[in-house]
């Protein structure tokens, strides 16, 4: 009875683990399946439970990192996606976690375009580094990049706003949020509050990141409007760009009404006054 009960609990847990790892990293579920027989072998050879668990974790992490760094990039290229630079001089991830979770893959055209815009920004504002956030997974069009609605084909990329130090007013190459999301440039009392409108319609998820991410660093930074506005303008002027997503109050505040590619994303998405969404054709 005990063994059957154990199996009854174990099988759903294995399935949940597989699904979770696949949803978060795409390849994690496959790594999990490959590691299962290896873990079984280790349990049979290592009698010390603590050492056994540590050895299983080590094997899983090692195999995952080998796949992520050595196997996935060339395979992704065969399918038409490439990784964004991890340690680029003009374009970098805001958080290395985006790369470790394989969420930094895009179509080659989008990578070339992002680097081109980043180089132009660095020429105009020396020392500036463009920080990217979520992009897409390496494989399979239509595979969802949770929690995004549309980052499923390598054609979309989120970019952080630029900021200055509130205290010294010097330009910064970081963001108040450690992942670039969740600390927003709120609408003024006289501006359209689209987030509030969405909340009134019952779209609870629209501002959910703002409630999850600590706001303690918000007072230390101020959005660098000239650099951020220039970034948006340069992307808008690129022929390959299909649309950009930005909150309506920032589009109006930064006098970007003449740029038709800057669109409204709708209440089913999340707010875009903490980052810019770019999308190619």
Protein backbone atom coordinates (compact mmCIF):
# COMPACT_ATOMS: atom_id res chain seq x y z
CA UNK A 1 0.00 0.00 0.00
CA UNK A 2 2.81 2.40 0.93
CA UNK A 3 4.59 1.83 -2.38
CA UNK A 4 1.44 2.35 -4.43
CA UNK A 5 0.65 5.54 -2.50
CA UNK A 6 4.21 6.75 -3.08
CA UNK A 7 3.86 6.16 -6.83
CA UNK A 8 0.47 7.87 -6.85
CA UNK A 9 2.13 11.00 -5.40
CA UNK A 10 5.41 10.73 -7.30
CA UNK A 11 4.03 10.58 -10.83
CA UNK A 12 2.02 13.85 -10.59
CA UNK A 13 5.01 15.55 -8.96
CA UNK A 14 7.28 14.46 -11.80
CA UNK A 15 4.76 15.70 -14.34
CA UNK A 16 4.38 19.05 -12.56
CA UNK A 17 8.17 19.43 -12.38
CA UNK A 18 8.51 18.68 -16.09
CA UNK A 19 5.81 21.20 -17.05
CA UNK A 20 7.18 23.90 -14.75
CA UNK A 21 10.73 23.59 -16.09
CA UNK A 22 9.49 23.54 -19.69
CA UNK A 23 7.36 26.64 -19.16
CA UNK A 24 10.13 28.60 -17.43
CA UNK A 25 13.13 27.64 -19.59
CA UNK A 26 11.71 25.62 -22.52
CA UNK A 27 14.60 23.11 -22.46
CA UNK A 28 14.39 22.46 -18.71
CA UNK A 29 11.70 19.83 -19.09
CA UNK A 30 13.84 17.82 -21.51
CA UNK A 31 16.88 18.13 -19.23
CA UNK A 32 14.70 16.90 -16.37
CA UNK A 33 13.69 13.77 -18.32
CA UNK A 34 17.28 12.99 -19.31
CA UNK A 35 18.43 13.37 -15.69
CA UNK A 36 15.83 10.97 -14.26
CA UNK A 37 17.72 7.73 -15.05
CA UNK A 38 21.00 9.35 -13.95
CA UNK A 39 19.44 10.30 -10.62
CA UNK A 40 18.17 6.74 -10.19
CA UNK A 41 21.67 5.42 -10.77
CA UNK A 42 23.20 7.89 -8.30
CA UNK A 43 20.67 6.95 -5.62
CA UNK A 44 21.67 3.31 -6.00
CA UNK A 45 25.37 4.11 -5.61
CA UNK A 46 25.40 6.88 -3.02
CA UNK A 47 24.05 5.76 0.34
CA UNK A 48 24.38 9.10 2.11
CA UNK A 49 21.11 10.93 1.44
CA UNK A 50 22.58 14.44 1.64
CA UNK A 51 25.43 13.59 -0.73
CA UNK A 52 22.94 11.86 -2.99
CA UNK A 53 20.72 14.92 -3.25
CA UNK A 54 23.70 17.24 -3.78
CA UNK A 55 25.06 15.00 -6.52
CA UNK A 56 21.68 15.00 -8.28
CA UNK A 57 21.48 18.79 -8.14
CA UNK A 58 25.04 19.10 -9.43
CA UNK A 59 24.37 16.75 -12.36
CA UNK A 60 21.16 18.58 -13.29
CA UNK A 61 22.76 22.03 -13.17
CA UNK A 62 25.84 20.87 -15.07
CA UNK A 63 23.81 19.26 -17.83
CA UNK A 64 21.48 22.25 -18.05
CA UNK A 65 24.39 24.71 -18.35
CA UNK A 66 26.13 22.60 -21.00
CA UNK A 67 22.90 22.51 -23.00
CA UNK A 68 22.24 26.22 -22.53
CA UNK A 69 25.73 27.41 -23.42
CA UNK A 70 26.96 24.84 -25.94
CA UNK A 71 24.11 22.86 -27.48
CA UNK A 72 21.10 25.18 -27.70
CA UNK A 73 22.68 28.16 -29.57
CA UNK A 74 23.77 26.20 -32.69
CA UNK A 75 20.51 24.24 -32.76
CA UNK A 76 18.49 27.45 -32.43
CA UNK A 77 20.34 28.95 -35.39
CA UNK A 78 19.18 26.05 -37.54
CA UNK A 79 15.62 27.09 -36.67
CA UNK A 80 16.21 30.76 -37.42
CA UNK A 81 16.85 32.20 -33.95
CA UNK A 82 20.00 33.55 -32.37
CA UNK A 83 20.93 34.56 -28.82
CA UNK A 84 21.39 38.22 -27.97
CA UNK A 85 24.86 39.15 -26.66
CA UNK A 86 25.47 38.38 -23.01
CA UNK A 87 28.50 40.63 -22.50
CA UNK A 88 28.14 43.09 -25.38
CA UNK A 89 29.65 46.57 -25.22
CA UNK A 90 26.52 48.29 -26.56
CA UNK A 91 23.75 45.75 -25.87
CA UNK A 92 23.49 43.65 -22.69
CA UNK A 93 20.85 41.85 -20.60
CA UNK A 94 19.57 43.78 -17.59
CA UNK A 95 19.83 40.55 -15.65
CA UNK A 96 21.90 37.51 -16.60
CA UNK A 97 18.91 35.42 -15.57
CA UNK A 98 17.22 36.20 -18.90
CA UNK A 99 20.08 34.37 -20.63
CA UNK A 100 20.36 31.51 -18.15
CA UNK A 101 16.65 30.84 -18.66
CA UNK A 102 17.03 30.91 -22.46
CA UNK A 103 14.71 33.89 -22.80
CA UNK A 104 17.10 35.96 -24.96
CA UNK A 105 16.56 34.46 -28.43
CA UNK A 106 15.38 36.47 -31.43
CA UNK A 107 15.37 36.39 -35.21
CA UNK A 108 18.78 37.38 -36.66
CA UNK A 109 17.26 40.53 -38.18
CA UNK A 110 16.04 41.73 -34.79
CA UNK A 111 19.44 41.11 -33.20
CA UNK A 112 21.17 43.09 -35.96
CA UNK A 113 18.64 45.90 -35.60
CA UNK A 114 18.97 46.07 -31.80
CA UNK A 115 22.77 46.26 -32.01
CA UNK A 116 22.53 48.93 -34.72
CA UNK A 117 20.24 51.10 -32.57
CA UNK A 118 22.42 50.50 -29.50
CA UNK A 119 25.50 51.65 -31.44
CA UNK A 120 23.69 54.77 -32.60
CA UNK A 121 22.64 55.57 -29.03
CA UNK A 122 26.19 55.08 -27.77
CA UNK A 123 27.49 57.45 -30.44
CA UNK A 124 24.97 60.09 -29.44
CA UNK A 125 25.28 59.44 -25.70
CA UNK A 126 28.80 58.10 -25.03
CA UNK A 127 28.94 55.32 -22.46
CA UNK A 128 25.32 54.30 -22.96
CA UNK A 129 24.54 50.59 -22.95
CA UNK A 130 21.13 49.41 -24.15
CA UNK A 131 19.66 46.86 -21.73
CA UNK A 132 17.34 44.16 -22.99
CA UNK A 133 14.81 42.19 -20.96
CA UNK A 134 12.67 39.29 -22.21
CA UNK A 135 12.90 38.30 -25.87
CA UNK A 136 11.91 34.72 -26.74
CA UNK A 137 12.76 31.05 -26.38
CA UNK A 138 15.15 29.34 -28.81
CA UNK A 139 12.72 26.89 -30.41
CA UNK A 140 9.20 26.46 -31.84
CA UNK A 141 6.97 29.30 -33.01
CA UNK A 142 3.92 29.61 -30.80
CA UNK A 143 5.61 28.27 -27.65
CA UNK A 144 4.53 30.79 -24.97
CA UNK A 145 7.01 32.88 -23.02
CA UNK A 146 5.09 33.27 -19.77
CA UNK A 147 3.80 35.80 -18.72
CA UNK A 148 3.91 37.49 -22.13
CA UNK A 149 1.11 37.13 -24.65
CA UNK A 150 3.11 37.52 -27.84
CA UNK A 151 6.81 36.70 -27.26
CA UNK A 152 6.54 33.39 -29.09
CA UNK A 153 8.21 33.78 -32.49
CA UNK A 154 11.53 35.57 -32.04
CA UNK A 155 10.17 38.83 -33.40
CA UNK A 156 9.62 40.62 -30.09
CA UNK A 157 12.02 42.19 -27.63
CA UNK A 158 11.55 44.19 -24.43
CA UNK A 159 14.01 46.97 -23.64
CA UNK A 160 14.60 48.84 -20.40
CA UNK A 161 14.15 52.57 -20.10
CA UNK A 162 17.22 54.69 -19.40
CA UNK A 163 17.65 56.29 -15.99
CA UNK A 164 19.63 58.91 -14.11
CA UNK A 165 20.63 59.00 -10.47
CA UNK A 166 18.08 61.03 -8.51
CA UNK A 167 20.83 62.31 -6.23
CA UNK A 168 23.57 63.26 -8.71
CA UNK A 169 21.53 63.41 -11.95
CA UNK A 170 24.29 61.45 -13.70
CA UNK A 171 23.38 58.98 -16.43
CA UNK A 172 23.09 55.36 -15.32
CA UNK A 173 23.30 52.06 -17.17
CA UNK A 174 21.10 50.20 -14.74
CA UNK A 175 17.45 50.26 -13.67
CA UNK A 176 15.65 50.61 -10.32
CA UNK A 177 14.20 47.11 -10.75
CA UNK A 178 16.64 44.21 -10.78
CA UNK A 179 14.79 42.69 -13.76
CA UNK A 180 13.92 45.96 -15.49
CA UNK A 181 10.18 45.42 -15.01
CA UNK A 182 7.78 46.53 -12.30
CA UNK A 183 8.88 50.06 -11.36
CA UNK A 184 6.79 52.35 -13.49
CA UNK A 185 6.81 55.94 -14.69
CA UNK A 186 3.36 56.75 -13.36
CA UNK A 187 0.88 59.06 -15.11
CA UNK A 188 0.51 62.56 -13.71
CA UNK A 189 -2.91 63.67 -12.40
CA UNK A 190 -3.57 65.46 -15.69
CA UNK A 191 -2.58 62.47 -17.86
CA UNK A 192 -4.51 59.44 -19.03
CA UNK A 193 -4.26 56.64 -16.46
CA UNK A 194 -4.68 53.59 -18.68
CA UNK A 195 -3.63 51.24 -15.86
CA UNK A 196 -6.49 52.47 -13.69
CA UNK A 197 -8.93 52.10 -16.60
CA UNK A 198 -7.83 48.50 -17.12
CA UNK A 199 -8.14 47.76 -13.41
CA UNK A 200 -11.71 49.12 -13.40
CA UNK A 201 -12.53 46.73 -16.24
CA UNK A 202 -11.32 43.79 -14.15
CA UNK A 203 -7.92 43.19 -15.75
CA UNK A 204 -6.10 42.42 -12.50
CA UNK A 205 -2.90 41.30 -14.22
CA UNK A 206 -2.23 44.66 -15.88
CA UNK A 207 -0.25 46.07 -12.94
CA UNK A 208 0.60 42.84 -11.12
CA UNK A 209 4.38 43.18 -11.49
CA UNK A 210 4.25 46.52 -9.72
CA UNK A 211 2.83 44.71 -6.70
CA UNK A 212 5.43 41.92 -6.83
CA UNK A 213 8.61 43.93 -7.43
CA UNK A 214 9.99 45.96 -4.54
CA UNK A 215 9.57 49.71 -5.06
CA UNK A 216 12.35 50.65 -2.63
CA UNK A 217 14.76 51.79 -5.38
CA UNK A 218 12.22 53.99 -7.14
CA UNK A 219 13.24 57.09 -5.17
CA UNK A 220 16.88 56.61 -6.22
CA UNK A 221 16.26 56.90 -9.97
CA UNK A 222 14.55 59.18 -12.44
CA UNK A 223 13.78 58.26 -16.05
CA UNK A 224 16.32 59.76 -18.43
CA UNK A 225 13.82 61.25 -20.87
CA UNK A 226 16.25 62.41 -23.60
CA UNK A 227 17.94 59.02 -23.95
CA UNK A 228 14.72 57.02 -23.61
CA UNK A 229 12.86 59.21 -26.08
CA UNK A 230 15.73 58.99 -28.56
CA UNK A 231 15.75 55.20 -28.26
CA UNK A 232 12.03 55.06 -29.04
CA UNK A 233 12.38 57.46 -31.96
CA UNK A 234 15.29 55.56 -33.50
CA UNK A 235 13.46 52.24 -33.27
CA UNK A 236 10.30 53.83 -34.71
CA UNK A 237 12.24 55.05 -37.74
CA UNK A 238 13.53 51.59 -38.68
CA UNK A 239 11.78 50.06 -41.71
CA UNK A 240 11.87 46.58 -40.21
CA UNK A 241 9.91 47.64 -37.11
CA UNK A 242 6.21 46.80 -37.21
CA UNK A 243 5.09 48.23 -33.86
CA UNK A 244 6.19 49.47 -30.47
CA UNK A 245 4.20 49.28 -27.23
CA UNK A 246 4.28 52.21 -24.80
CA UNK A 247 1.78 53.55 -22.27
CA UNK A 248 -0.41 56.34 -23.73
CA UNK A 249 0.57 58.92 -21.10
CA UNK A 250 4.27 58.54 -21.95
CA UNK A 251 3.63 58.74 -25.67
CA UNK A 252 1.89 62.04 -25.10
CA UNK A 253 4.28 63.35 -22.44
CA UNK A 254 7.33 62.66 -24.60
CA UNK A 255 5.65 64.18 -27.68
CA UNK A 256 5.71 60.99 -29.73
CA UNK A 257 2.23 61.34 -31.23
CA UNK A 258 3.66 61.67 -34.74
CA UNK A 259 5.11 58.14 -34.60
CA UNK A 260 2.33 55.80 -35.82
CA UNK A 261 4.27 52.62 -35.00
CA UNK A 262 3.83 53.35 -31.28
CA UNK A 263 0.64 51.45 -30.51
CA UNK A 264 -1.71 50.72 -27.63
CA UNK A 265 -1.30 47.15 -26.41
CA UNK A 266 -4.66 46.70 -24.71
CA UNK A 267 -5.71 45.68 -21.20
CA UNK A 268 -5.05 41.96 -21.74
CA UNK A 269 -1.30 42.69 -21.64
CA UNK A 270 0.69 44.33 -18.83
CA UNK A 271 1.60 47.96 -18.45
CA UNK A 272 4.35 49.48 -20.58
CA UNK A 273 5.52 52.47 -18.57
CA UNK A 274 8.48 50.51 -17.22
CA UNK A 275 9.86 49.21 -20.52
CA UNK A 276 9.54 49.41 -24.31
CA UNK A 277 8.27 46.52 -26.44
CA UNK A 278 9.66 46.38 -29.99
CA UNK A 279 8.38 44.06 -32.69
CA UNK A 280 9.61 43.43 -36.22
CA UNK A 281 7.54 42.50 -39.26
